[in-house]
Amino acid sequence: MALEALERDEALSNPLDRVERIAEAYDWAFSRTDAREVTMEVSGGWSDMSISLNWRDEFEILHVAVSLEMKVPTARRDEVARLLARINEQLLVGHFDLWHSDGSLLFRNSLLLTGNAEANDAQCEALIRFAVETCERYFPAVQFVVWAGQPAAEALEAAMIATESAPPGLVAR
């Protein structure tokens, strides 16, 4: 019995094993693309999100990247970049990126596990939840800039009011 528990704990030393367990517990659709990556799809209140979690051995980092189901048109990319700079100033951890090559919008964050530290379930779940909740919180501001043509400052202010009435929680697919 003790050997079985030890083997189970050793199997969970890769934080992606924990991520898989969490996804299973929430019935989130996920795929283990290889030993270093898990991907999943989550439906939010404003947009569907693709989540990729990567384990980087060389840095001892569990990295999360959330891709929003939106491409920013070329004509609005500079204003969205200004918006993201304002949003990133407010974030304690993580940041938004805008890929100028194709207009993709991402949120990225990492859990640093230097010195052979092991992630626990609560840390892995918090990393995912924080990423999704942050995307949900600021997505309306991006929409205001992209689709309503508002300047970054006004869009951020309007979105913060709009998110107070946003639907709570996550719905996984």
C-alpha atoms as a PDB file:
ATOM      1  CA  MET A   1       0.000   0.000   0.000  1.00  0.00           C
ATOM      2  CA  ALA A   2       2.756   2.492   0.925  1.00  0.00           C
ATOM      3  CA  LEU A   3       4.657   1.635  -2.286  1.00  0.00           C
ATOM      4  CA  GLU A   4       1.534   2.303  -4.331  1.00  0.00           C
ATOM      5  CA  ALA A   5       1.112   5.715  -2.662  1.00  0.00           C
ATOM      6  CA  LEU A   6       4.784   6.506  -3.259  1.00  0.00           C
ATOM      7  CA  GLU A   7       4.505   5.547  -6.939  1.00  0.00           C
ATOM      8  CA  ARG A   8       1.397   7.707  -7.261  1.00  0.00           C
ATOM      9  CA  ASP A   9       3.219  10.676  -5.654  1.00  0.00           C
ATOM     10  CA  GLU A  10       6.262  10.162  -7.896  1.00  0.00           C
ATOM     11  CA  ALA A  11       3.988  10.128 -10.932  1.00  0.00           C
ATOM     12  CA  LEU A  12       2.619  13.496  -9.842  1.00  0.00           C
ATOM     13  CA  SER A  13       6.044  15.154  -9.580  1.00  0.00           C
ATOM     14  CA  ASN A  14       5.460  16.425 -13.125  1.00  0.00           C
ATOM     15  CA  PRO A  15       2.939  19.230 -12.531  1.00  0.00           C
ATOM     16  CA  LEU A  16       1.152  18.341 -15.769  1.00  0.00           C
ATOM     17  CA  ASP A  17       0.045  15.088 -14.141  1.00  0.00           C
ATOM     18  CA  ARG A  18      -1.668  17.226 -11.520  1.00  0.00           C
ATOM     19  CA  VAL A  19      -3.170  19.443 -14.241  1.00  0.00           C
ATOM     20  CA  GLU A  20      -4.651  16.351 -15.880  1.00  0.00           C
ATOM     21  CA  ARG A  21      -6.178  15.251 -12.564  1.00  0.00           C
ATOM     22  CA  ILE A  22      -7.693  18.697 -12.056  1.00  0.00           C
ATOM     23  CA  ALA A  23      -9.116  18.726 -15.603  1.00  0.00           C
ATOM     24  CA  GLU A  24     -10.633  15.287 -15.025  1.00  0.00           C
ATOM     25  CA  ALA A  25     -12.164  16.408 -11.714  1.00  0.00           C
ATOM     26  CA  TYR A  26     -13.861  19.357 -13.442  1.00  0.00           C
ATOM     27  CA  ASP A  27     -14.771  17.328 -16.551  1.00  0.00           C
ATOM     28  CA  TRP A  28     -12.751  19.717 -18.703  1.00  0.00           C
ATOM     29  CA  ALA A  29     -11.865  18.394 -22.141  1.00  0.00           C
ATOM     30  CA  PHE A  30      -8.085  18.137 -22.325  1.00  0.00           C
ATOM     31  CA  SER A  31      -5.344  16.555 -24.363  1.00  0.00           C
ATOM     32  CA  ARG A  32      -1.850  15.559 -23.321  1.00  0.00           C
ATOM     33  CA  THR A  33       0.047  16.420 -26.480  1.00  0.00           C
ATOM     34  CA  ASP A  34       3.348  15.159 -25.026  1.00  0.00           C
ATOM     35  CA  ALA A  35       5.146  14.846 -21.682  1.00  0.00           C
ATOM     36  CA  ARG A  36       5.608  18.622 -21.579  1.00  0.00           C
ATOM     37  CA  GLU A  37       2.174  19.971 -22.633  1.00  0.00           C
ATOM     38  CA  VAL A  38      -1.513  19.728 -21.757  1.00  0.00           C
ATOM     39  CA  THR A  39      -4.117  21.651 -23.733  1.00  0.00           C
ATOM     40  CA  MET A  40      -7.758  22.249 -22.901  1.00  0.00           C
ATOM     41  CA  GLU A  41     -10.739  24.245 -24.094  1.00  0.00           C
ATOM     42  CA  VAL A  42     -12.803  26.307 -21.664  1.00  0.00           C
ATOM     43  CA  SER A  43     -15.985  28.238 -22.386  1.00  0.00           C
ATOM     44  CA  GLY A  44     -16.092  31.564 -20.610  1.00  0.00           C
ATOM     45  CA  GLY A  45     -18.850  34.105 -20.261  1.00  0.00           C
ATOM     46  CA  TRP A  46     -17.471  36.282 -23.074  1.00  0.00           C
ATOM     47  CA  SER A  47     -15.367  33.980 -25.227  1.00  0.00           C
ATOM     48  CA  ASP A  48     -14.070  30.460 -25.658  1.00  0.00           C
ATOM     49  CA  MET A  49     -10.478  30.036 -24.556  1.00  0.00           C
ATOM     50  CA  SER A  50      -7.736  27.594 -25.516  1.00  0.00           C
ATOM     51  CA  ILE A  51      -5.456  26.881 -22.580  1.00  0.00           C
ATOM     52  CA  SER A  52      -1.988  25.427 -22.965  1.00  0.00           C
ATOM     53  CA  LEU A  53       0.068  24.416 -19.935  1.00  0.00           C
ATOM     54  CA  ASN A  54       3.733  23.647 -20.548  1.00  0.00           C
ATOM     55  CA  TRP A  55       6.306  22.186 -18.181  1.00  0.00           C
ATOM     56  CA  ARG A  56       9.743  23.671 -18.879  1.00  0.00           C
ATOM     57  CA  ASP A  57      12.352  21.428 -17.219  1.00  0.00           C
ATOM     58  CA  GLU A  58      15.245  23.729 -18.051  1.00  0.00           C
ATOM     59  CA  PHE A  59      13.652  26.616 -16.127  1.00  0.00           C
ATOM     60  CA  GLU A  60      11.565  24.559 -13.679  1.00  0.00           C
ATOM     61  CA  ILE A  61       8.486  26.532 -14.698  1.00  0.00           C
ATOM     62  CA  LEU A  62       4.877  25.548 -15.287  1.00  0.00           C
ATOM     63  CA  HIS A  63       3.721  28.014 -17.928  1.00  0.00           C
ATOM     64  CA  VAL A  64       0.097  28.734 -18.818  1.00  0.00           C
ATOM     65  CA  ALA A  65      -0.970  30.494 -22.006  1.00  0.00           C
ATOM     66  CA  VAL A  66      -4.613  31.308 -22.678  1.00  0.00           C
ATOM     67  CA  SER A  67      -5.527  32.172 -26.237  1.00  0.00           C
ATOM     68  CA  LEU A  68      -8.757  34.086 -26.632  1.00  0.00           C
ATOM     69  CA  GLU A  69     -11.065  33.296 -29.516  1.00  0.00           C
ATOM     70  CA  MET A  70     -10.437  36.629 -31.219  1.00  0.00           C
ATOM     71  CA  LYS A  71      -8.069  38.132 -33.757  1.00  0.00           C
ATOM     72  CA  VAL A  72      -7.407  41.855 -33.476  1.00  0.00           C
ATOM     73  CA  PRO A  73      -7.665  43.542 -36.900  1.00  0.00           C
ATOM     74  CA  THR A  74      -4.528  45.330 -38.091  1.00  0.00           C
ATOM     75  CA  ALA A  75      -6.209  48.739 -37.887  1.00  0.00           C
ATOM     76  CA  ARG A  76      -6.937  48.306 -34.148  1.00  0.00           C
ATOM     77  CA  ARG A  77      -3.682  46.644 -33.004  1.00  0.00           C
ATOM     78  CA  ASP A  78      -1.924  49.823 -31.861  1.00  0.00           C
ATOM     79  CA  GLU A  79      -4.870  50.844 -29.683  1.00  0.00           C
ATOM     80  CA  VAL A  80      -5.228  47.312 -28.300  1.00  0.00           C
ATOM     81  CA  ALA A  81      -1.497  47.359 -27.495  1.00  0.00           C
ATOM     82  CA  ARG A  82      -2.065  50.585 -25.527  1.00  0.00           C
ATOM     83  CA  LEU A  83      -4.983  48.920 -23.730  1.00  0.00           C
ATOM     84  CA  LEU A  84      -2.918  45.857 -22.848  1.00  0.00           C
ATOM     85  CA  ALA A  85      -0.147  48.067 -21.462  1.00  0.00           C
ATOM     86  CA  ARG A  86      -2.716  49.701 -19.151  1.00  0.00           C
ATOM     87  CA  ILE A  87      -4.136  46.322 -18.129  1.00  0.00           C
ATOM     88  CA  ASN A  88      -0.681  44.835 -17.500  1.00  0.00           C
ATOM     89  CA  GLU A  89       0.102  47.751 -15.161  1.00  0.00           C
ATOM     90  CA  GLN A  90      -2.778  46.572 -12.958  1.00  0.00           C
ATOM     91  CA  LEU A  91      -1.836  42.892 -12.843  1.00  0.00           C
ATOM     92  CA  LEU A  92       0.160  41.555  -9.926  1.00  0.00           C
ATOM     93  CA  VAL A  93       1.135  38.415 -11.869  1.00  0.00           C
ATOM     94  CA  GLY A  94       0.894  37.370 -15.501  1.00  0.00           C
ATOM     95  CA  HIS A  95       0.493  39.560 -18.546  1.00  0.00           C
ATOM     96  CA  PHE A  96      -1.355  39.948 -21.826  1.00  0.00           C
ATOM     97  CA  ASP A  97       0.419  39.780 -25.183  1.00  0.00           C
ATOM     98  CA  LEU A  98      -0.706  40.802 -28.641  1.00  0.00           C
ATOM     99  CA  TRP A  99       1.005  39.043 -31.521  1.00  0.00           C
ATOM    100  CA  HIS A 100       1.338  41.706 -34.205  1.00  0.00           C
ATOM    101  CA  SER A 101       1.943  39.081 -36.909  1.00  0.00           C
ATOM    102  CA  ASP A 102      -1.609  37.682 -36.741  1.00  0.00           C
ATOM    103  CA  GLY A 103      -3.480  39.694 -34.087  1.00  0.00           C
ATOM    104  CA  SER A 104      -3.695  36.837 -31.585  1.00  0.00           C
ATOM    105  CA  LEU A 105      -4.432  37.820 -28.005  1.00  0.00           C
ATOM    106  CA  LEU A 106      -2.863  35.784 -25.173  1.00  0.00           C
ATOM    107  CA  PHE A 107      -2.655  35.830 -21.418  1.00  0.00           C
ATOM    108  CA  ARG A 108       0.484  34.225 -19.981  1.00  0.00           C
ATOM    109  CA  ASN A 109       1.634  33.390 -16.493  1.00  0.00           C
ATOM    110  CA  SER A 110       4.031  30.941 -14.839  1.00  0.00           C
ATOM    111  CA  LEU A 111       4.515  29.006 -11.643  1.00  0.00           C
ATOM    112  CA  LEU A 112       8.201  28.969 -10.729  1.00  0.00           C
ATOM    113  CA  LEU A 113       9.302  25.700  -9.089  1.00  0.00           C
ATOM    114  CA  THR A 114      13.055  26.239  -8.809  1.00  0.00           C
ATOM    115  CA  GLY A 115      15.155  23.900  -6.686  1.00  0.00           C
ATOM    116  CA  ASN A 116      13.098  20.783  -7.411  1.00  0.00           C
ATOM    117  CA  ALA A 117      10.028  22.212  -5.689  1.00  0.00           C
ATOM    118  CA  GLU A 118       6.832  20.356  -6.487  1.00  0.00           C
ATOM    119  CA  ALA A 119       3.564  22.002  -7.371  1.00  0.00           C
ATOM    120  CA  ASN A 120       0.482  20.970  -5.434  1.00  0.00           C
ATOM    121  CA  ASP A 121      -3.071  20.658  -6.764  1.00  0.00           C
ATOM    122  CA  ALA A 122      -4.118  24.008  -5.285  1.00  0.00           C
ATOM    123  CA  GLN A 123      -1.264  25.853  -7.040  1.00  0.00           C
ATOM    124  CA  CYS A 124      -2.007  24.248 -10.410  1.00  0.00           C
ATOM    125  CA  GLU A 125      -5.726  24.944 -10.104  1.00  0.00           C
ATOM    126  CA  ALA A 126      -5.070  28.540  -9.021  1.00  0.00           C
ATOM    127  CA  LEU A 127      -2.768  29.089 -12.015  1.00  0.00           C
ATOM    128  CA  ILE A 128      -5.527  27.962 -14.393  1.00  0.00           C
ATOM    129  CA  ARG A 129      -8.356  29.761 -12.615  1.00  0.00           C
ATOM    130  CA  PHE A 130      -6.450  33.041 -12.327  1.00  0.00           C
ATOM    131  CA  ALA A 131      -5.645  32.954 -16.042  1.00  0.00           C
ATOM    132  CA  VAL A 132      -9.254  32.295 -17.041  1.00  0.00           C
ATOM    133  CA  GLU A 133     -10.697  34.832 -14.599  1.00  0.00           C
ATOM    134  CA  THR A 134      -8.231  37.496 -15.770  1.00  0.00           C
ATOM    135  CA  CYS A 135      -9.211  36.898 -19.398  1.00  0.00           C
ATOM    136  CA  GLU A 136     -12.893  37.081 -18.449  1.00  0.00           C
ATOM    137  CA  ARG A 137     -12.339  40.321 -16.557  1.00  0.00           C
ATOM    138  CA  TYR A 138     -10.562  42.206 -19.344  1.00  0.00           C
ATOM    139  CA  PHE A 139     -12.064  40.697 -22.509  1.00  0.00           C
ATOM    140  CA  PRO A 140     -14.871  43.306 -22.681  1.00  0.00           C
ATOM    141  CA  ALA A 141     -12.291  46.109 -22.768  1.00  0.00           C
ATOM    142  CA  VAL A 142     -10.649  44.516 -25.804  1.00  0.00           C
ATOM    143  CA  GLN A 143     -14.050  44.212 -27.477  1.00  0.00           C
ATOM    144  CA  PHE A 144     -14.750  47.894 -26.792  1.00  0.00           C
ATOM    145  CA  VAL A 145     -11.502  48.849 -28.528  1.00  0.00           C
ATOM    146  CA  VAL A 146     -11.819  46.403 -31.425  1.00  0.00           C
ATOM    147  CA  TRP A 147     -15.536  46.493 -32.200  1.00  0.00           C
ATOM    148  CA  ALA A 148     -16.703  49.819 -30.726  1.00  0.00           C
ATOM    149  CA  GLY A 149     -13.583  51.779 -31.723  1.00  0.00           C
ATOM    150  CA  GLN A 150     -13.107  53.239 -28.249  1.00  0.00           C
ATOM    151  CA  PRO A 151      -9.729  54.504 -27.030  1.00  0.00           C
ATOM    152  CA  ALA A 152      -7.895  52.289 -24.529  1.00  0.00           C
ATOM    153  CA  ALA A 153      -8.557  54.392 -21.410  1.00  0.00           C
ATOM    154  CA  GLU A 154     -12.294  54.690 -22.037  1.00  0.00           C
ATOM    155  CA  ALA A 155     -12.620  51.024 -22.981  1.00  0.00           C
ATOM    156  CA  LEU A 156     -10.892  49.908 -19.804  1.00  0.00           C
ATOM    157  CA  GLU A 157     -13.119  52.105 -17.654  1.00  0.00           C
ATOM    158  CA  ALA A 158     -16.286  50.926 -19.409  1.00  0.00           C
ATOM    159  CA  ALA A 159     -15.254  47.289 -19.250  1.00  0.00           C
ATOM    160  CA  MET A 160     -14.608  47.412 -15.522  1.00  0.00           C
ATOM    161  CA  ILE A 161     -18.228  48.490 -15.040  1.00  0.00           C
ATOM    162  CA  ALA A 162     -19.477  45.840 -17.507  1.00  0.00           C
ATOM    163  CA  THR A 163     -17.616  42.980 -15.824  1.00  0.00           C
ATOM    164  CA  GLU A 164     -19.433  43.582 -12.548  1.00  0.00           C
ATOM    165  CA  SER A 165     -22.509  42.095 -14.238  1.00  0.00           C
ATOM    166  CA  ALA A 166     -20.630  39.387 -16.144  1.00  0.00           C
ATOM    167  CA  PRO A 167     -21.756  35.785 -15.728  1.00  0.00           C
ATOM    168  CA  PRO A 168     -19.901  34.053 -12.874  1.00  0.00           C
ATOM    169  CA  GLY A 169     -17.801  30.925 -13.125  1.00  0.00           C
ATOM    170  CA  LEU A 170     -16.440  28.737 -15.871  1.00  0.00           C
ATOM    171  CA  VAL A 171     -18.134  26.229 -18.079  1.00  0.00           C
ATOM    172  CA  ALA A 172     -15.777  23.644 -19.507  1.00  0.00           C
ATOM    173  CA  ARG A 173     -16.324  21.779 -22.760  1.00  0.00           C
END
